[in-house]
Amino acid sequence: LLAAVVALVTVAAAVPARTVPVPGGIAELTTVRSG
């Protein structure tokens, strides 16, 4: 059961974030470097 929990947690953590597209515009999740 604990192994199943580990598997579920791993799968859940692997799901990426996303943002709904804006037709003709910009919709993006990105990063910016500071130092």
All heavy atoms as atom14 arrays in JSON, in Angstrom:
{
  "sequence": "LLAAVVALVTVAAAVPARTVPVPGGIAELTTVRSG",
  "atom14_mask": [
    [1, 1, 1, 1, 1, 1, 1, 1, 0, 0, 0, 0, 0, 0],
    [1, 1, 1, 1, 1, 1, 1, 1, 0, 0, 0, 0, 0, 0],
    [1, 1, 1, 1, 1, 0, 0, 0, 0, 0, 0, 0, 0, 0],
    [1, 1, 1, 1, 1, 0, 0, 0, 0, 0, 0, 0, 0, 0],
    [1, 1, 1, 1, 1, 1, 1, 0, 0, 0, 0, 0, 0, 0],
    [1, 1, 1, 1, 1, 1, 1, 0, 0, 0, 0, 0, 0, 0],
    [1, 1, 1, 1, 1, 0, 0, 0, 0, 0, 0, 0, 0, 0],
    [1, 1, 1, 1, 1, 1, 1, 1, 0, 0, 0, 0, 0, 0],
    [1, 1, 1, 1, 1, 1, 1, 0, 0, 0, 0, 0, 0, 0],
    [1, 1, 1, 1, 1, 1, 1, 0, 0, 0, 0, 0, 0, 0],
    [1, 1, 1, 1, 1, 1, 1, 0, 0, 0, 0, 0, 0, 0],
    [1, 1, 1, 1, 1, 0, 0, 0, 0, 0, 0, 0, 0, 0],
    [1, 1, 1, 1, 1, 0, 0, 0, 0, 0, 0, 0, 0, 0],
    [1, 1, 1, 1, 1, 0, 0, 0, 0, 0, 0, 0, 0, 0],
    [1, 1, 1, 1, 1, 1, 1, 0, 0, 0, 0, 0, 0, 0],
    [1, 1, 1, 1, 1, 1, 1, 0, 0, 0, 0, 0, 0, 0],
    [1, 1, 1, 1, 1, 0, 0, 0, 0, 0, 0, 0, 0, 0],
    [1, 1, 1, 1, 1, 1, 1, 1, 1, 1, 1, 0, 0, 0],
    [1, 1, 1, 1, 1, 1, 1, 0, 0, 0, 0, 0, 0, 0],
    [1, 1, 1, 1, 1, 1, 1, 0, 0, 0, 0, 0, 0, 0],
    [1, 1, 1, 1, 1, 1, 1, 0, 0, 0, 0, 0, 0, 0],
    [1, 1, 1, 1, 1, 1, 1, 0, 0, 0, 0, 0, 0, 0],
    [1, 1, 1, 1, 1, 1, 1, 0, 0, 0, 0, 0, 0, 0],
    [1, 1, 1, 1, 0, 0, 0, 0, 0, 0, 0, 0, 0, 0],
    [1, 1, 1, 1, 0, 0, 0, 0, 0, 0, 0, 0, 0, 0],
    [1, 1, 1, 1, 1, 1, 1, 1, 0, 0, 0, 0, 0, 0],
    [1, 1, 1, 1, 1, 0, 0, 0, 0, 0, 0, 0, 0, 0],
    [1, 1, 1, 1, 1, 1, 1, 1, 1, 0, 0, 0, 0, 0],
    [1, 1, 1, 1, 1, 1, 1, 1, 0, 0, 0, 0, 0, 0],
    [1, 1, 1, 1, 1, 1, 1, 0, 0, 0, 0, 0, 0, 0],
    [1, 1, 1, 1, 1, 1, 1, 0, 0, 0, 0, 0, 0, 0],
    [1, 1, 1, 1, 1, 1, 1, 0, 0, 0, 0, 0, 0, 0],
    [1, 1, 1, 1, 1, 1, 1, 1, 1, 1, 1, 0, 0, 0],
    [1, 1, 1, 1, 1, 1, 0, 0, 0, 0, 0, 0, 0, 0],
    [1, 1, 1, 1, 0, 0, 0, 0, 0, 0, 0, 0, 0, 0]
  ],
  "atom14_positions": [
    [[0.83, -1.21, 0.0], [0.0, 0.0, 0.0], [0.86, 1.25, 0.0], [0.55, 2.23, -0.7], [-0.93, -0.01, 1.22], [-2.05, -1.05, 1.21], [-2.8, -1.04, 2.54], [-3.02, -0.77, 0.05], [0.0, 0.0, 0.0], [0.0, 0.0, 0.0], [0.0, 0.0, 0.0], [0.0, 0.0, 0.0], [0.0, 0.0, 0.0], [0.0, 0.0, 0.0]],
    [[1.94, 1.22, 0.8], [2.85, 2.37, 0.81], [3.51, 2.57, -0.55], [3.7, 3.71, -1.0], [3.91, 2.19, 1.89], [3.42, 2.22, 3.34], [4.57, 1.97, 4.3], [2.77, 3.56, 3.65], [0.0, 0.0, 0.0], [0.0, 0.0, 0.0], [0.0, 0.0, 0.0], [0.0, 0.0, 0.0], [0.0, 0.0, 0.0], [0.0, 0.0, 0.0]],
    [[3.85, 1.48, -1.21], [4.43, 1.57, -2.55], [3.43, 2.18, -3.53], [3.81, 2.98, -4.41], [4.86, 0.19, -3.03], [0.0, 0.0, 0.0], [0.0, 0.0, 0.0], [0.0, 0.0, 0.0], [0.0, 0.0, 0.0], [0.0, 0.0, 0.0], [0.0, 0.0, 0.0], [0.0, 0.0, 0.0], [0.0, 0.0, 0.0], [0.0, 0.0, 0.0]],
    [[2.15, 1.83, -3.37], [1.12, 2.41, -4.22], [1.0, 3.91, -3.97], [0.83, 4.7, -4.92], [-0.22, 1.72, -3.96], [0.0, 0.0, 0.0], [0.0, 0.0, 0.0], [0.0, 0.0, 0.0], [0.0, 0.0, 0.0], [0.0, 0.0, 0.0], [0.0, 0.0, 0.0], [0.0, 0.0, 0.0], [0.0, 0.0, 0.0], [0.0, 0.0, 0.0]],
    [[1.11, 4.31, -2.7], [1.08, 5.74, -2.38], [2.24, 6.46, -3.04], [2.08, 7.55, -3.62], [1.1, 5.96, -0.85], [1.3, 7.43, -0.52], [-0.18, 5.44, -0.21], [0.0, 0.0, 0.0], [0.0, 0.0, 0.0], [0.0, 0.0, 0.0], [0.0, 0.0, 0.0], [0.0, 0.0, 0.0], [0.0, 0.0, 0.0], [0.0, 0.0, 0.0]],
    [[3.43, 5.87, -2.96], [4.61, 6.47, -3.6], [4.38, 6.63, -5.1], [4.7, 7.69, -5.68], [5.87, 5.62, -3.34], [7.04, 6.1, -4.2], [6.24, 5.67, -1.86], [0.0, 0.0, 0.0], [0.0, 0.0, 0.0], [0.0, 0.0, 0.0], [0.0, 0.0, 0.0], [0.0, 0.0, 0.0], [0.0, 0.0, 0.0], [0.0, 0.0, 0.0]],
    [[3.82, 5.61, -5.72], [3.56, 5.68, -7.16], [2.56, 6.78, -7.5], [2.76, 7.56, -8.44], [3.04, 4.33, -7.66], [0.0, 0.0, 0.0], [0.0, 0.0, 0.0], [0.0, 0.0, 0.0], [0.0, 0.0, 0.0], [0.0, 0.0, 0.0], [0.0, 0.0, 0.0], [0.0, 0.0, 0.0], [0.0, 0.0, 0.0], [0.0, 0.0, 0.0]],
    [[1.49, 6.87, -6.71], [0.48, 7.91, -6.96], [1.04, 9.31, -6.76], [0.78, 10.21, -7.56], [-0.72, 7.68, -6.03], [-1.61, 6.47, -6.34], [-2.65, 6.27, -5.24], [-2.3, 6.65, -7.69], [0.0, 0.0, 0.0], [0.0, 0.0, 0.0], [0.0, 0.0, 0.0], [0.0, 0.0, 0.0], [0.0, 0.0, 0.0], [0.0, 0.0, 0.0]],
    [[1.82, 9.47, -5.7], [2.42, 10.78, -5.42], [3.37, 11.18, -6.55], [3.4, 12.34, -6.98], [3.17, 10.75, -4.07], [4.07, 11.97, -3.92], [2.17, 10.69, -2.93], [0.0, 0.0, 0.0], [0.0, 0.0, 0.0], [0.0, 0.0, 0.0], [0.0, 0.0, 0.0], [0.0, 0.0, 0.0], [0.0, 0.0, 0.0], [0.0, 0.0, 0.0]],
    [[4.14, 10.21, -7.04], [5.09, 10.5, -8.11], [4.36, 10.92, -9.38], [4.75, 11.89, -10.05], [5.96, 9.27, -8.39], [6.58, 8.83, -7.19], [7.03, 9.59, -9.42], [0.0, 0.0, 0.0], [0.0, 0.0, 0.0], [0.0, 0.0, 0.0], [0.0, 0.0, 0.0], [0.0, 0.0, 0.0], [0.0, 0.0, 0.0], [0.0, 0.0, 0.0]],
    [[3.32, 10.2, -9.72], [2.54, 10.54, -10.92], [1.9, 11.91, -10.76], [1.93, 12.75, -11.68], [1.46, 9.47, -11.18], [0.52, 9.93, -12.28], [2.12, 8.14, -11.56], [0.0, 0.0, 0.0], [0.0, 0.0, 0.0], [0.0, 0.0, 0.0], [0.0, 0.0, 0.0], [0.0, 0.0, 0.0], [0.0, 0.0, 0.0], [0.0, 0.0, 0.0]],
    [[1.31, 12.17, -9.58], [0.66, 13.46, -9.35], [1.65, 14.61, -9.42], [1.36, 15.68, -9.98], [-0.04, 13.45, -7.99], [0.0, 0.0, 0.0], [0.0, 0.0, 0.0], [0.0, 0.0, 0.0], [0.0, 0.0, 0.0], [0.0, 0.0, 0.0], [0.0, 0.0, 0.0], [0.0, 0.0, 0.0], [0.0, 0.0, 0.0], [0.0, 0.0, 0.0]],
    [[2.84, 14.38, -8.87], [3.86, 15.44, -8.87], [4.42, 15.69, -10.26], [4.96, 16.77, -10.53], [5.0, 15.07, -7.92], [0.0, 0.0, 0.0], [0.0, 0.0, 0.0], [0.0, 0.0, 0.0], [0.0, 0.0, 0.0], [0.0, 0.0, 0.0], [0.0, 0.0, 0.0], [0.0, 0.0, 0.0], [0.0, 0.0, 0.0], [0.0, 0.0, 0.0]],
    [[4.31, 14.7, -11.15], [4.86, 14.84, -12.49], [3.94, 15.6, -13.43], [4.36, 16.02, -14.52], [5.15, 13.45, -13.08], [0.0, 0.0, 0.0], [0.0, 0.0, 0.0], [0.0, 0.0, 0.0], [0.0, 0.0, 0.0], [0.0, 0.0, 0.0], [0.0, 0.0, 0.0], [0.0, 0.0, 0.0], [0.0, 0.0, 0.0], [0.0, 0.0, 0.0]],
    [[2.68, 15.82, -13.03], [1.74, 16.53, -13.9], [2.15, 18.0, -13.98], [2.22, 18.68, -12.96], [0.29, 16.42, -13.35], [-0.65, 17.25, -14.21], [-0.15, 14.97, -13.32], [0.0, 0.0, 0.0], [0.0, 0.0, 0.0], [0.0, 0.0, 0.0], [0.0, 0.0, 0.0], [0.0, 0.0, 0.0], [0.0, 0.0, 0.0], [0.0, 0.0, 0.0]],
    [[2.43, 18.5, -15.18], [2.94, 19.88, -15.29], [1.83, 20.91, -15.14], [0.65, 20.62, -15.33], [3.52, 19.91, -16.71], [2.69, 18.92, -17.47], [2.36, 17.82, -16.48], [0.0, 0.0, 0.0], [0.0, 0.0, 0.0], [0.0, 0.0, 0.0], [0.0, 0.0, 0.0], [0.0, 0.0, 0.0], [0.0, 0.0, 0.0], [0.0, 0.0, 0.0]],
    [[2.22, 22.12, -14.8], [1.28, 23.23, -14.77], [1.03, 23.7, -16.21], [1.85, 23.49, -17.11], [1.85, 24.38, -13.94], [0.0, 0.0, 0.0], [0.0, 0.0, 0.0], [0.0, 0.0, 0.0], [0.0, 0.0, 0.0], [0.0, 0.0, 0.0], [0.0, 0.0, 0.0], [0.0, 0.0, 0.0], [0.0, 0.0, 0.0], [0.0, 0.0, 0.0]],
    [[-0.09, 24.35, -16.42], [-0.41, 24.89, -17.75], [-1.33, 26.08, -17.57], [-1.99, 26.24, -16.54], [-1.1, 23.83, -18.62], [-2.4, 23.33, -18.03], [-3.05, 22.25, -18.88], [-4.28, 21.76, -18.27], [-5.46, 22.36, -18.35], [-5.56, 23.49, -19.04], [-6.53, 21.86, -17.75], [0.0, 0.0, 0.0], [0.0, 0.0, 0.0], [0.0, 0.0, 0.0]],
    [[-1.36, 26.91, -18.56], [-2.3, 28.03, -18.55], [-3.07, 28.05, -19.85], [-2.51, 27.73, -20.92], [-1.57, 29.37, -18.31], [-2.52, 30.4, -18.05], [-0.68, 29.75, -19.47], [0.0, 0.0, 0.0], [0.0, 0.0, 0.0], [0.0, 0.0, 0.0], [0.0, 0.0, 0.0], [0.0, 0.0, 0.0], [0.0, 0.0, 0.0], [0.0, 0.0, 0.0]],
    [[-4.32, 28.37, -19.78], [-5.21, 28.31, -20.94], [-4.73, 29.29, -22.0], [-4.43, 30.45, -21.7], [-6.66, 28.66, -20.53], [-7.58, 28.63, -21.74], [-7.15, 27.69, -19.46], [0.0, 0.0, 0.0], [0.0, 0.0, 0.0], [0.0, 0.0, 0.0], [0.0, 0.0, 0.0], [0.0, 0.0, 0.0], [0.0, 0.0, 0.0], [0.0, 0.0, 0.0]],
    [[-4.64, 28.86, -23.28], [-4.17, 29.76, -24.34], [-5.09, 30.97, -24.51], [-6.29, 30.9, -24.26], [-4.2, 28.87, -25.59], [-4.16, 27.47, -25.07], [-4.88, 27.49, -23.76], [0.0, 0.0, 0.0], [0.0, 0.0, 0.0], [0.0, 0.0, 0.0], [0.0, 0.0, 0.0], [0.0, 0.0, 0.0], [0.0, 0.0, 0.0], [0.0, 0.0, 0.0]],
    [[-4.51, 32.07, -24.94], [-5.27, 33.27, -25.3], [-5.16, 33.41, -26.82], [-4.08, 33.7, -27.33], [-4.7, 34.52, -24.61], [-5.47, 35.76, -25.06], [-4.77, 34.38, -23.09], [0.0, 0.0, 0.0], [0.0, 0.0, 0.0], [0.0, 0.0, 0.0], [0.0, 0.0, 0.0], [0.0, 0.0, 0.0], [0.0, 0.0, 0.0], [0.0, 0.0, 0.0]],
    [[-6.25, 33.19, -27.55], [-6.18, 33.25, -29.02], [-5.59, 34.57, -29.52], [-6.08, 35.65, -29.16], [-7.65, 33.1, -29.44], [-8.29, 32.37, -28.31], [-7.59, 32.87, -27.07], [0.0, 0.0, 0.0], [0.0, 0.0, 0.0], [0.0, 0.0, 0.0], [0.0, 0.0, 0.0], [0.0, 0.0, 0.0], [0.0, 0.0, 0.0], [0.0, 0.0, 0.0]],
    [[-4.53, 34.48, -30.29], [-3.91, 35.66, -30.85], [-3.05, 36.44, -29.88], [-2.41, 37.43, -30.26], [0.0, 0.0, 0.0], [0.0, 0.0, 0.0], [0.0, 0.0, 0.0], [0.0, 0.0, 0.0], [0.0, 0.0, 0.0], [0.0, 0.0, 0.0], [0.0, 0.0, 0.0], [0.0, 0.0, 0.0], [0.0, 0.0, 0.0], [0.0, 0.0, 0.0]],
    [[-3.03, 36.02, -28.62], [-2.27, 36.76, -27.61], [-1.15, 35.92, -27.03], [-0.55, 35.08, -27.71], [0.0, 0.0, 0.0], [0.0, 0.0, 0.0], [0.0, 0.0, 0.0], [0.0, 0.0, 0.0], [0.0, 0.0, 0.0], [0.0, 0.0, 0.0], [0.0, 0.0, 0.0], [0.0, 0.0, 0.0], [0.0, 0.0, 0.0], [0.0, 0.0, 0.0]],
    [[-0.9, 36.11, -25.76], [0.17, 35.4, -25.07], [-0.38, 34.76, -23.8], [-1.16, 35.37, -23.06], [1.34, 36.34, -24.74], [2.49, 35.56, -24.09], [0.89, 37.5, -23.85], [3.76, 36.39, -23.94], [0.0, 0.0, 0.0], [0.0, 0.0, 0.0], [0.0, 0.0, 0.0], [0.0, 0.0, 0.0], [0.0, 0.0, 0.0], [0.0, 0.0, 0.0]],
    [[-0.01, 33.52, -23.56], [-0.38, 32.8, -22.34], [0.78, 31.85, -22.04], [0.95, 30.84, -22.72], [-1.67, 32.03, -22.53], [0.0, 0.0, 0.0], [0.0, 0.0, 0.0], [0.0, 0.0, 0.0], [0.0, 0.0, 0.0], [0.0, 0.0, 0.0], [0.0, 0.0, 0.0], [0.0, 0.0, 0.0], [0.0, 0.0, 0.0], [0.0, 0.0, 0.0]],
    [[1.54, 32.16, -21.03], [2.81, 31.46, -20.84], [3.2, 31.4, -19.37], [3.03, 32.37, -18.63], [3.88, 32.24, -21.62], [5.19, 31.57, -21.79], [6.11, 32.4, -22.66], [5.74, 32.69, -23.83], [7.18, 32.82, -22.16], [0.0, 0.0, 0.0], [0.0, 0.0, 0.0], [0.0, 0.0, 0.0], [0.0, 0.0, 0.0], [0.0, 0.0, 0.0]],
    [[3.71, 30.26, -18.96], [4.34, 30.11, -17.66], [5.84, 29.99, -17.91], [6.29, 29.05, -18.57], [3.83, 28.86, -16.95], [2.34, 28.83, -16.6], [1.94, 27.47, -16.03], [1.98, 29.95, -15.62], [0.0, 0.0, 0.0], [0.0, 0.0, 0.0], [0.0, 0.0, 0.0], [0.0, 0.0, 0.0], [0.0, 0.0, 0.0], [0.0, 0.0, 0.0]],
    [[6.6, 30.93, -17.41], [8.02, 30.97, -17.73], [8.82, 31.31, -16.47], [8.27, 31.39, -15.38], [8.29, 32.02, -18.84], [9.65, 31.97, -19.24], [7.93, 33.42, -18.38], [0.0, 0.0, 0.0], [0.0, 0.0, 0.0], [0.0, 0.0, 0.0], [0.0, 0.0, 0.0], [0.0, 0.0, 0.0], [0.0, 0.0, 0.0], [0.0, 0.0, 0.0]],
    [[10.11, 31.47, -16.65], [10.98, 31.87, -15.53], [11.87, 33.02, -15.98], [12.15, 33.19, -17.18], [11.86, 30.71, -15.05], [12.67, 30.23, -16.13], [11.01, 29.57, -14.51], [0.0, 0.0, 0.0], [0.0, 0.0, 0.0], [0.0, 0.0, 0.0], [0.0, 0.0, 0.0], [0.0, 0.0, 0.0], [0.0, 0.0, 0.0], [0.0, 0.0, 0.0]],
    [[12.32, 33.78, -15.01], [13.24, 34.9, -15.24], [14.4, 34.75, -14.28], [14.19, 34.46, -13.1], [12.54, 36.26, -15.03], [13.54, 37.4, -15.18], [11.38, 36.43, -16.0], [0.0, 0.0, 0.0], [0.0, 0.0, 0.0], [0.0, 0.0, 0.0], [0.0, 0.0, 0.0], [0.0, 0.0, 0.0], [0.0, 0.0, 0.0], [0.0, 0.0, 0.0]],
    [[15.59, 34.98, -14.77], [16.76, 34.84, -13.92], [17.06, 36.16, -13.21], [17.08, 37.23, -13.83], [17.97, 34.41, -14.75], [19.14, 33.93, -13.88], [20.08, 33.05, -14.68], [21.04, 32.39, -13.81], [20.81, 31.26, -13.16], [19.64, 30.67, -13.3], [21.73, 30.72, -12.39], [0.0, 0.0, 0.0], [0.0, 0.0, 0.0], [0.0, 0.0, 0.0]],
    [[17.29, 36.07, -11.9], [17.72, 37.21, -11.11], [18.95, 36.77, -10.33], [18.85, 35.99, -9.38], [16.62, 37.65, -10.14], [17.07, 38.69, -9.28], [0.0, 0.0, 0.0], [0.0, 0.0, 0.0], [0.0, 0.0, 0.0], [0.0, 0.0, 0.0], [0.0, 0.0, 0.0], [0.0, 0.0, 0.0], [0.0, 0.0, 0.0], [0.0, 0.0, 0.0]],
    [[20.1, 37.22, -10.76], [21.35, 36.75, -10.17], [21.5, 35.26, -10.43], [21.46, 34.81, -11.58], [0.0, 0.0, 0.0], [0.0, 0.0, 0.0], [0.0, 0.0, 0.0], [0.0, 0.0, 0.0], [0.0, 0.0, 0.0], [0.0, 0.0, 0.0], [0.0, 0.0, 0.0], [0.0, 0.0, 0.0], [0.0, 0.0, 0.0], [0.0, 0.0, 0.0]]
  ]
}
